[in-house]
C-alpha atoms as a PDB file:
ATOM      1  CA  MET A   1       0.000   0.000   0.000  1.00  0.00           C
ATOM      2  CA  ALA A   2       1.346   3.435  -0.914  1.00  0.00           C
ATOM      3  CA  ARG A   3       1.985   6.048   1.715  1.00  0.00           C
ATOM      4  CA  PRO A   4      -0.686   8.717   2.031  1.00  0.00           C
ATOM      5  CA  LYS A   5       0.011  11.989   0.273  1.00  0.00           C
ATOM      6  CA  LYS A   6       1.674  14.494   2.595  1.00  0.00           C
ATOM      7  CA  HIS A   7      -0.387  17.635   3.087  1.00  0.00           C
ATOM      8  CA  ASP A   8       1.006  21.059   3.693  1.00  0.00           C
ATOM      9  CA  ILE A   9      -1.035  22.297   6.597  1.00  0.00           C
ATOM     10  CA  ASP A  10      -0.678  25.982   7.419  1.00  0.00           C
ATOM     11  CA  THR A  11      -0.892  25.834  11.215  1.00  0.00           C
ATOM     12  CA  LYS A  12      -1.805  29.517  11.475  1.00  0.00           C
ATOM     13  CA  GLN A  13      -4.726  28.997   9.083  1.00  0.00           C
ATOM     14  CA  LEU A  14      -5.725  25.811  10.924  1.00  0.00           C
ATOM     15  CA  GLN A  15      -5.759  27.684  14.242  1.00  0.00           C
ATOM     16  CA  ASN A  16      -7.813  30.509  12.685  1.00  0.00           C
ATOM     17  CA  LEU A  17     -10.384  28.022  11.393  1.00  0.00           C
ATOM     18  CA  ALA A  18     -10.622  26.450  14.863  1.00  0.00           C
ATOM     19  CA  ARG A  19     -10.982  29.966  16.286  1.00  0.00           C
ATOM     20  CA  LEU A  20     -14.032  30.440  14.048  1.00  0.00           C
ATOM     21  CA  GLY A  21     -15.570  27.299  15.527  1.00  0.00           C
ATOM     22  CA  CYS A  22     -15.000  25.022  12.515  1.00  0.00           C
ATOM     23  CA  THR A  23     -15.204  21.291  13.147  1.00  0.00           C
ATOM     24  CA  ASN A  24     -12.370  18.894  12.358  1.00  0.00           C
ATOM     25  CA  THR A  25     -14.386  17.699   9.340  1.00  0.00           C
ATOM     26  CA  GLU A  26     -14.747  21.244   8.007  1.00  0.00           C
ATOM     27  CA  ILE A  27     -11.051  21.946   8.523  1.00  0.00           C
ATOM     28  CA  ALA A  28     -10.091  18.674   6.821  1.00  0.00           C
ATOM     29  CA  ASP A  29     -12.336  19.565   3.872  1.00  0.00           C
ATOM     30  CA  PHE A  30     -10.717  22.998   3.667  1.00  0.00           C
ATOM     31  CA  PHE A  31      -7.220  21.503   3.482  1.00  0.00           C
ATOM     32  CA  GLY A  32      -8.303  18.534   1.357  1.00  0.00           C
ATOM     33  CA  CYS A  33      -7.093  15.908   3.799  1.00  0.00           C
ATOM     34  CA  SER A  34      -8.497  13.427   6.304  1.00  0.00           C
ATOM     35  CA  GLU A  35      -9.677  14.206   9.809  1.00  0.00           C
ATOM     36  CA  ASN A  36      -6.888  11.953  11.099  1.00  0.00           C
ATOM     37  CA  THR A  37      -4.362  14.333   9.559  1.00  0.00           C
ATOM     38  CA  ILE A  38      -6.068  17.307  11.233  1.00  0.00           C
ATOM     39  CA  ARG A  39      -6.092  15.539  14.616  1.00  0.00           C
ATOM     40  CA  ARG A  40      -2.279  15.492  14.509  1.00  0.00           C
ATOM     41  CA  TYR A  41      -2.419  19.251  15.021  1.00  0.00           C
ATOM     42  CA  GLY A  42      -4.307  19.040  18.312  1.00  0.00           C
ATOM     43  CA  GLU A  43      -2.233  21.795  19.914  1.00  0.00           C
ATOM     44  CA  TYR A  44      -3.389  24.309  17.281  1.00  0.00           C
ATOM     45  CA  LEU A  45      -6.986  23.080  17.390  1.00  0.00           C
ATOM     46  CA  THR A  46      -7.079  23.415  21.180  1.00  0.00           C
ATOM     47  CA  LYS A  47      -5.610  26.915  21.133  1.00  0.00           C
ATOM     48  CA  GLY A  48      -7.937  28.095  18.366  1.00  0.00           C
ATOM     49  CA  ARG A  49     -11.019  26.716  20.083  1.00  0.00           C
ATOM     50  CA  ALA A  50      -9.975  28.319  23.375  1.00  0.00           C
ATOM     51  CA  GLU A  51      -9.710  31.662  21.551  1.00  0.00           C
ATOM     52  CA  CYS A  52     -13.194  31.068  20.128  1.00  0.00           C
ATOM     53  CA  LYS A  53     -14.598  30.542  23.625  1.00  0.00           C
ATOM     54  CA  MET A  54     -12.832  33.640  24.945  1.00  0.00           C
ATOM     55  CA  ARG A  55     -14.271  35.787  22.139  1.00  0.00           C
ATOM     56  CA  LEU A  56     -17.762  34.444  22.791  1.00  0.00           C
ATOM     57  CA  ARG A  57     -17.402  35.100  26.522  1.00  0.00           C
ATOM     58  CA  GLN A  58     -16.286  38.689  25.798  1.00  0.00           C
ATOM     59  CA  MET A  59     -19.347  39.236  23.601  1.00  0.00           C
ATOM     60  CA  GLN A  60     -21.615  37.833  26.317  1.00  0.00           C
ATOM     61  CA  TRP A  61     -20.098  40.129  28.943  1.00  0.00           C
ATOM     62  CA  ARG A  62     -20.443  43.179  26.683  1.00  0.00           C
ATOM     63  CA  SER A  63     -24.074  42.276  26.037  1.00  0.00           C
ATOM     64  CA  ALA A  64     -24.764  41.841  29.765  1.00  0.00           C
ATOM     65  CA  GLU A  65     -22.985  45.118  30.607  1.00  0.00           C
ATOM     66  CA  LYS A  66     -25.149  46.948  28.050  1.00  0.00           C
ATOM     67  CA  GLY A  67     -28.214  45.841  30.013  1.00  0.00           C
ATOM     68  CA  ASN A  68     -29.264  42.647  28.223  1.00  0.00           C
ATOM     69  CA  VAL A  69     -31.252  41.114  31.073  1.00  0.00           C
ATOM     70  CA  THR A  70     -31.469  37.711  29.386  1.00  0.00           C
ATOM     71  CA  MET A  71     -27.686  37.535  29.187  1.00  0.00           C
ATOM     72  CA  GLN A  72     -27.371  38.704  32.792  1.00  0.00           C
ATOM     73  CA  ILE A  73     -29.695  35.903  33.913  1.00  0.00           C
ATOM     74  CA  PHE A  74     -27.828  33.340  31.789  1.00  0.00           C
ATOM     75  CA  LEU A  75     -24.433  34.368  33.185  1.00  0.00           C
ATOM     76  CA  GLY A  76     -25.839  34.362  36.720  1.00  0.00           C
ATOM     77  CA  LYS A  77     -27.023  30.792  36.269  1.00  0.00           C
ATOM     78  CA  GLN A  78     -23.800  29.634  34.623  1.00  0.00           C
ATOM     79  CA  MET A  79     -21.253  31.414  36.779  1.00  0.00           C
ATOM     80  CA  LEU A  80     -23.025  32.023  40.076  1.00  0.00           C
ATOM     81  CA  GLY A  81     -25.131  28.873  40.327  1.00  0.00           C
ATOM     82  CA  GLN A  82     -28.352  30.873  40.383  1.00  0.00           C
ATOM     83  CA  ALA A  83     -31.618  29.121  39.516  1.00  0.00           C
ATOM     84  CA  ASP A  84     -35.195  30.008  38.618  1.00  0.00           C
ATOM     85  CA  SER A  85     -36.699  27.992  41.460  1.00  0.00           C
ATOM     86  CA  PRO A  86     -35.355  28.740  44.919  1.00  0.00           C
ATOM     87  CA  LEU A  87     -34.784  25.350  46.528  1.00  0.00           C
ATOM     88  CA  ASP A  88     -32.987  24.438  49.676  1.00  0.00           C
ATOM     89  CA  THR A  89     -30.058  22.484  48.224  1.00  0.00           C
ATOM     90  CA  VAL A  90     -29.855  20.250  51.284  1.00  0.00           C
ATOM     91  CA  SER A  91     -33.475  19.043  51.318  1.00  0.00           C
ATOM     92  CA  ASP A  92     -34.604  19.997  47.769  1.00  0.00           C
ATOM     93  CA  GLN A  93     -37.637  21.691  49.335  1.00  0.00           C
ATOM     94  CA  PRO A  94     -38.892  25.165  48.400  1.00  0.00           C
ATOM     95  CA  LEU A  95     -37.583  27.859  50.688  1.00  0.00           C
ATOM     96  CA  PRO A  96     -40.157  29.277  53.118  1.00  0.00           C
ATOM     97  CA  PHE A  97     -41.817  32.561  52.135  1.00  0.00           C
ATOM     98  CA  ILE A  98     -41.180  35.180  54.788  1.00  0.00           C
ATOM     99  CA  ASP A  99     -43.047  38.462  54.537  1.00  0.00           C
END
């Protein structure tokens, strides 16, 4: 069996595609190679996807800071453990209403 054709993968371009949220399949299609070839560049995929998450988080924060209440609620639930239904976490019972 012949050796697979060697692909010239531009690691900067690969990282940029991962930064845009592209899947391994999409990146492999872009470079015209297999997903196995793309997986060999895990370091660049990981870094690009981390940059993608950081950009998204920045956009969420900006939206929340501008007064987007939905985003404020979402971030409160995700980062502060807030919930819609106030339950006592020890007994899973509703908290008593005190007027």
